[in-house]
Amino acid sequence: MNTKFINPLLDLVLKPIANLKLTRKFLISDQLAKNLMLHCYEEMHHLSGFLPSLYKDKNPY
C-alpha cells in the first residue's frame, strides 16, 4: 500500500506501526474486512457501468 499521510511526521511514525501484522490483527476485525470487501465490490461494479463509455468518449483515438 502506497499511502501518504498529509503530515510527513505521521507518515514516518504511523506507517510502520500500521503495517505491523499485530496491529492489523487487533485493529481490523473479520467483520470490518468483509464489509470493506463488499464495499469495494459494489463500488467497482458501479464504476464498471459507466467508466468504459466515459473513457471512450474522452479518448477517441
PDB file of N, CA and C in Angstrom:
ATOM      1  N   MET A   1       0.845  -1.163   0.000  1.00  0.00           N
ATOM      2  CA  MET A   1       0.000   0.000   0.000  1.00  0.00           C
ATOM      3  C   MET A   1       0.896   1.234   0.000  1.00  0.00           C
ATOM      4  N   ASN A   2       0.574   2.198  -0.852  1.00  0.00           N
ATOM      5  CA  ASN A   2       1.406   3.380  -1.007  1.00  0.00           C
ATOM      6  C   ASN A   2       0.696   4.605  -0.447  1.00  0.00           C
ATOM      7  N   THR A   3       0.236   4.533   0.782  1.00  0.00           N
ATOM      8  CA  THR A   3      -0.493   5.620   1.414  1.00  0.00           C
ATOM      9  C   THR A   3       0.480   6.654   1.954  1.00  0.00           C
ATOM     10  N   LYS A   4       0.145   7.915   1.729  1.00  0.00           N
ATOM     11  CA  LYS A   4       0.940   9.009   2.282  1.00  0.00           C
ATOM     12  C   LYS A   4       0.030   9.832   3.181  1.00  0.00           C
ATOM     13  N   PHE A   5       0.458  10.069   4.411  1.00  0.00           N
ATOM     14  CA  PHE A   5      -0.274  10.947   5.297  1.00  0.00           C
ATOM     15  C   PHE A   5       0.064  12.385   4.928  1.00  0.00           C
ATOM     16  N   ILE A   6      -0.831  13.307   5.251  1.00  0.00           N
ATOM     17  CA  ILE A   6      -0.612  14.718   4.925  1.00  0.00           C
ATOM     18  C   ILE A   6       0.614  15.245   5.670  1.00  0.00           C
ATOM     19  N   ASN A   7       0.757  14.861   6.907  1.00  0.00           N
ATOM     20  CA  ASN A   7       1.879  15.293   7.720  1.00  0.00           C
ATOM     21  C   ASN A   7       3.029  14.294   7.554  1.00  0.00           C
ATOM     22  N   PRO A   8       4.189  14.721   7.072  1.00  0.00           N
ATOM     23  CA  PRO A   8       5.311  13.794   6.867  1.00  0.00           C
ATOM     24  C   PRO A   8       5.731  13.065   8.145  1.00  0.00           C
ATOM     25  N   LEU A   9       5.585  13.730   9.296  1.00  0.00           N
ATOM     26  CA  LEU A   9       5.926  13.083  10.562  1.00  0.00           C
ATOM     27  C   LEU A   9       4.989  11.904  10.833  1.00  0.00           C
ATOM     28  N   LEU A  10       3.698  12.086  10.550  1.00  0.00           N
ATOM     29  CA  LEU A  10       2.748  10.981  10.698  1.00  0.00           C
ATOM     30  C   LEU A  10       3.117   9.843   9.767  1.00  0.00           C
ATOM     31  N   ASP A  11       3.518  10.190   8.561  1.00  0.00           N
ATOM     32  CA  ASP A  11       3.922   9.171   7.592  1.00  0.00           C
ATOM     33  C   ASP A  11       5.117   8.383   8.121  1.00  0.00           C
ATOM     34  N   LEU A  12       6.054   9.084   8.708  1.00  0.00           N
ATOM     35  CA  LEU A  12       7.261   8.448   9.232  1.00  0.00           C
ATOM     36  C   LEU A  12       6.967   7.573  10.447  1.00  0.00           C
ATOM     37  N   VAL A  13       6.060   8.011  11.313  1.00  0.00           N
ATOM     38  CA  VAL A  13       5.792   7.309  12.569  1.00  0.00           C
ATOM     39  C   VAL A  13       4.676   6.275  12.437  1.00  0.00           C
ATOM     40  N   LEU A  14       3.555   6.659  11.847  1.00  0.00           N
ATOM     41  CA  LEU A  14       2.384   5.782  11.837  1.00  0.00           C
ATOM     42  C   LEU A  14       2.432   4.674  10.800  1.00  0.00           C
ATOM     43  N   LYS A  15       3.007   4.945   9.664  1.00  0.00           N
ATOM     44  CA  LYS A  15       3.005   3.942   8.595  1.00  0.00           C
ATOM     45  C   LYS A  15       3.670   2.631   9.023  1.00  0.00           C
ATOM     46  N   PRO A  16       4.860   2.669   9.620  1.00  0.00           N
ATOM     47  CA  PRO A  16       5.466   1.399  10.046  1.00  0.00           C
ATOM     48  C   PRO A  16       4.644   0.681  11.112  1.00  0.00           C
ATOM     49  N   ILE A  17       4.026   1.438  12.011  1.00  0.00           N
ATOM     50  CA  ILE A  17       3.202   0.826  13.058  1.00  0.00           C
ATOM     51  C   ILE A  17       1.937   0.228  12.459  1.00  0.00           C
ATOM     52  N   ALA A  18       1.306   0.950  11.540  1.00  0.00           N
ATOM     53  CA  ALA A  18       0.060   0.480  10.929  1.00  0.00           C
ATOM     54  C   ALA A  18       0.277  -0.763  10.079  1.00  0.00           C
ATOM     55  N   ASN A  19       1.471  -0.947   9.568  1.00  0.00           N
ATOM     56  CA  ASN A  19       1.745  -2.095   8.706  1.00  0.00           C
ATOM     57  C   ASN A  19       2.180  -3.344   9.466  1.00  0.00           C
ATOM     58  N   LEU A  20       2.270  -3.262  10.775  1.00  0.00           N
ATOM     59  CA  LEU A  20       2.629  -4.440  11.561  1.00  0.00           C
ATOM     60  C   LEU A  20       1.478  -5.437  11.582  1.00  0.00           C
ATOM     61  N   LYS A  21       1.807  -6.698  11.431  1.00  0.00           N
ATOM     62  CA  LYS A  21       0.792  -7.752  11.439  1.00  0.00           C
ATOM     63  C   LYS A  21      -0.017  -7.726  12.736  1.00  0.00           C
ATOM     64  N   LEU A  22       0.650  -7.519  13.849  1.00  0.00           N
ATOM     65  CA  LEU A  22      -0.006  -7.496  15.150  1.00  0.00           C
ATOM     66  C   LEU A  22      -0.999  -6.338  15.242  1.00  0.00           C
ATOM     67  N   THR A  23      -0.616  -5.183  14.737  1.00  0.00           N
ATOM     68  CA  THR A  23      -1.510  -4.020  14.741  1.00  0.00           C
ATOM     69  C   THR A  23      -2.748  -4.300  13.909  1.00  0.00           C
ATOM     70  N   ARG A  24      -2.557  -4.843  12.710  1.00  0.00           N
ATOM     71  CA  ARG A  24      -3.700  -5.142  11.842  1.00  0.00           C
ATOM     72  C   ARG A  24      -4.612  -6.179  12.474  1.00  0.00           C
ATOM     73  N   LYS A  25      -4.035  -7.151  13.165  1.00  0.00           N
ATOM     74  CA  LYS A  25      -4.831  -8.219  13.773  1.00  0.00           C
ATOM     75  C   LYS A  25      -5.786  -7.658  14.822  1.00  0.00           C
ATOM     76  N   PHE A  26      -5.318  -6.692  15.618  1.00  0.00           N
ATOM     77  CA  PHE A  26      -6.151  -6.159  16.688  1.00  0.00           C
ATOM     78  C   PHE A  26      -7.046  -5.007  16.250  1.00  0.00           C
ATOM     79  N   LEU A  27      -6.692  -4.303  15.196  1.00  0.00           N
ATOM     80  CA  LEU A  27      -7.483  -3.148  14.776  1.00  0.00           C
ATOM     81  C   LEU A  27      -8.494  -3.463  13.684  1.00  0.00           C
ATOM     82  N   ILE A  28      -8.266  -4.530  12.946  1.00  0.00           N
ATOM     83  CA  ILE A  28      -9.149  -4.847  11.827  1.00  0.00           C
ATOM     84  C   ILE A  28      -9.828  -6.183  12.094  1.00  0.00           C
ATOM     85  N   SER A  29     -11.119  -6.111  12.397  1.00  0.00           N
ATOM     86  CA  SER A  29     -11.874  -7.330  12.683  1.00  0.00           C
ATOM     87  C   SER A  29     -12.242  -8.035  11.378  1.00  0.00           C
ATOM     88  N   ASP A  30     -12.628  -9.291  11.503  1.00  0.00           N
ATOM     89  CA  ASP A  30     -13.080 -10.035  10.326  1.00  0.00           C
ATOM     90  C   ASP A  30     -14.287  -9.357   9.693  1.00  0.00           C
ATOM     91  N   GLN A  31     -15.195  -8.835  10.532  1.00  0.00           N
ATOM     92  CA  GLN A  31     -16.393  -8.180  10.002  1.00  0.00           C
ATOM     93  C   GLN A  31     -16.029  -6.908   9.240  1.00  0.00           C
ATOM     94  N   LEU A  32     -15.088  -6.148   9.761  1.00  0.00           N
ATOM     95  CA  LEU A  32     -14.643  -4.939   9.066  1.00  0.00           C
ATOM     96  C   LEU A  32     -14.036  -5.297   7.715  1.00  0.00           C
ATOM     97  N   ALA A  33     -13.229  -6.344   7.677  1.00  0.00           N
ATOM     98  CA  ALA A  33     -12.619  -6.777   6.418  1.00  0.00           C
ATOM     99  C   ALA A  33     -13.686  -7.218   5.419  1.00  0.00           C
ATOM    100  N   LYS A  34     -14.693  -7.956   5.886  1.00  0.00           N
ATOM    101  CA  LYS A  34     -15.782  -8.392   4.999  1.00  0.00           C
ATOM    102  C   LYS A  34     -16.576  -7.199   4.488  1.00  0.00           C
ATOM    103  N   ASN A  35     -16.853  -6.248   5.368  1.00  0.00           N
ATOM    104  CA  ASN A  35     -17.593  -5.052   4.954  1.00  0.00           C
ATOM    105  C   ASN A  35     -16.809  -4.245   3.923  1.00  0.00           C
ATOM    106  N   LEU A  36     -15.506  -4.134   4.107  1.00  0.00           N
ATOM    107  CA  LEU A  36     -14.670  -3.413   3.148  1.00  0.00           C
ATOM    108  C   LEU A  36     -14.652  -4.126   1.804  1.00  0.00           C
ATOM    109  N   MET A  37     -14.566  -5.450   1.831  1.00  0.00           N
ATOM    110  CA  MET A  37     -14.574  -6.221   0.590  1.00  0.00           C
ATOM    111  C   MET A  37     -15.900  -6.024  -0.154  1.00  0.00           C
ATOM    112  N   LEU A  38     -17.010  -6.052   0.577  1.00  0.00           N
ATOM    113  CA  LEU A  38     -18.319  -5.847  -0.038  1.00  0.00           C
ATOM    114  C   LEU A  38     -18.423  -4.436  -0.616  1.00  0.00           C
ATOM    115  N   HIS A  39     -17.952  -3.450   0.130  1.00  0.00           N
ATOM    116  CA  HIS A  39     -17.982  -2.067  -0.351  1.00  0.00           C
ATOM    117  C   HIS A  39     -17.180  -1.927  -1.649  1.00  0.00           C
ATOM    118  N   CYS A  40     -15.991  -2.505  -1.672  1.00  0.00           N
ATOM    119  CA  CYS A  40     -15.146  -2.422  -2.871  1.00  0.00           C
ATOM    120  C   CYS A  40     -15.803  -3.109  -4.057  1.00  0.00           C
ATOM    121  N   TYR A  41     -16.410  -4.271  -3.824  1.00  0.00           N
ATOM    122  CA  TYR A  41     -17.105  -4.984  -4.894  1.00  0.00           C
ATOM    123  C   TYR A  41     -18.232  -4.122  -5.460  1.00  0.00           C
ATOM    124  N   GLU A  42     -19.051  -3.548  -4.571  1.00  0.00           N
ATOM    125  CA  GLU A  42     -20.177  -2.727  -5.027  1.00  0.00           C
ATOM    126  C   GLU A  42     -19.690  -1.495  -5.784  1.00  0.00           C
ATOM    127  N   GLU A  43     -18.634  -0.870  -5.287  1.00  0.00           N
ATOM    128  CA  GLU A  43     -18.103   0.325  -5.940  1.00  0.00           C
ATOM    129  C   GLU A  43     -17.541  -0.002  -7.321  1.00  0.00           C
ATOM    130  N   MET A  44     -16.778  -1.072  -7.427  1.00  0.00           N
ATOM    131  CA  MET A  44     -16.218  -1.459  -8.725  1.00  0.00           C
ATOM    132  C   MET A  44     -17.326  -1.840  -9.706  1.00  0.00           C
ATOM    133  N   HIS A  45     -18.364  -2.500  -9.214  1.00  0.00           N
ATOM    134  CA  HIS A  45     -19.496  -2.859 -10.074  1.00  0.00           C
ATOM    135  C   HIS A  45     -20.174  -1.586 -10.599  1.00  0.00           C
ATOM    136  N   HIS A  46     -20.368  -0.617  -9.720  1.00  0.00           N
ATOM    137  CA  HIS A  46     -20.993   0.649 -10.115  1.00  0.00           C
ATOM    138  C   HIS A  46     -20.120   1.393 -11.137  1.00  0.00           C
ATOM    139  N   LEU A  47     -18.831   1.490 -10.854  1.00  0.00           N
ATOM    140  CA  LEU A  47     -17.927   2.204 -11.756  1.00  0.00           C
ATOM    141  C   LEU A  47     -17.808   1.525 -13.114  1.00  0.00           C
ATOM    142  N   SER A  48     -17.872   0.199 -13.126  1.00  0.00           N
ATOM    143  CA  SER A  48     -17.745  -0.521 -14.398  1.00  0.00           C
ATOM    144  C   SER A  48     -18.928  -0.258 -15.317  1.00  0.00           C
ATOM    145  N   GLY A  49     -20.005   0.277 -14.762  1.00  0.00           N
ATOM    146  CA  GLY A  49     -21.176   0.579 -15.575  1.00  0.00           C
ATOM    147  C   GLY A  49     -21.002   1.806 -16.455  1.00  0.00           C
ATOM    148  N   PHE A  50     -20.186   2.763 -16.028  1.00  0.00           N
ATOM    149  CA  PHE A  50     -20.065   3.988 -16.822  1.00  0.00           C
ATOM    150  C   PHE A  50     -18.634   4.384 -17.193  1.00  0.00           C
ATOM    151  N   LEU A  51     -17.646   3.871 -16.503  1.00  0.00           N
ATOM    152  CA  LEU A  51     -16.280   4.295 -16.828  1.00  0.00           C
ATOM    153  C   LEU A  51     -15.811   3.898 -18.222  1.00  0.00           C
ATOM    154  N   PRO A  52     -16.124   2.705 -18.727  1.00  0.00           N
ATOM    155  CA  PRO A  52     -15.665   2.379 -20.084  1.00  0.00           C
ATOM    156  C   PRO A  52     -16.185   3.359 -21.138  1.00  0.00           C
ATOM    157  N   SER A  53     -17.468   3.713 -21.060  1.00  0.00           N
ATOM    158  CA  SER A  53     -18.006   4.650 -22.054  1.00  0.00           C
ATOM    159  C   SER A  53     -17.455   6.055 -21.842  1.00  0.00           C
ATOM    160  N   LEU A  54     -17.247   6.455 -20.602  1.00  0.00           N
ATOM    161  CA  LEU A  54     -16.660   7.761 -20.324  1.00  0.00           C
ATOM    162  C   LEU A  54     -15.238   7.832 -20.880  1.00  0.00           C
ATOM    163  N   TYR A  55     -14.470   6.777 -20.676  1.00  0.00           N
ATOM    164  CA  TYR A  55     -13.108   6.726 -21.212  1.00  0.00           C
ATOM    165  C   TYR A  55     -13.130   6.805 -22.736  1.00  0.00           C
ATOM    166  N   LYS A  56     -14.045   6.057 -23.350  1.00  0.00           N
ATOM    167  CA  LYS A  56     -14.145   6.052 -24.813  1.00  0.00           C
ATOM    168  C   LYS A  56     -14.521   7.437 -25.341  1.00  0.00           C
ATOM    169  N   ASP A  57     -15.431   8.121 -24.642  1.00  0.00           N
ATOM    170  CA  ASP A  57     -15.835   9.464 -25.055  1.00  0.00           C
ATOM    171  C   ASP A  57     -14.685  10.465 -24.946  1.00  0.00           C
ATOM    172  N   LYS A  58     -13.872  10.337 -23.925  1.00  0.00           N
ATOM    173  CA  LYS A  58     -12.792  11.299 -23.681  1.00  0.00           C
ATOM    174  C   LYS A  58     -11.502  10.953 -24.427  1.00  0.00           C
ATOM    175  N   ASN A  59     -11.382   9.715 -24.920  1.00  0.00           N
ATOM    176  CA  ASN A  59     -10.177   9.269 -25.626  1.00  0.00           C
ATOM    177  C   ASN A  59     -10.577   8.621 -26.947  1.00  0.00           C
ATOM    178  N   PRO A  60     -10.898   9.425 -27.948  1.00  0.00           N
ATOM    179  CA  PRO A  60     -11.418   8.867 -29.200  1.00  0.00           C
ATOM    180  C   PRO A  60     -10.389   8.098 -30.029  1.00  0.00           C
ATOM    181  N   TYR A  61      -9.136   8.150 -29.697  1.00  0.00           N
ATOM    182  CA  TYR A  61      -8.119   7.507 -30.536  1.00  0.00           C
ATOM    183  C   TYR A  61      -8.063   6.056 -30.259  1.00  0.00           C
TER     184      TYR A  61
END
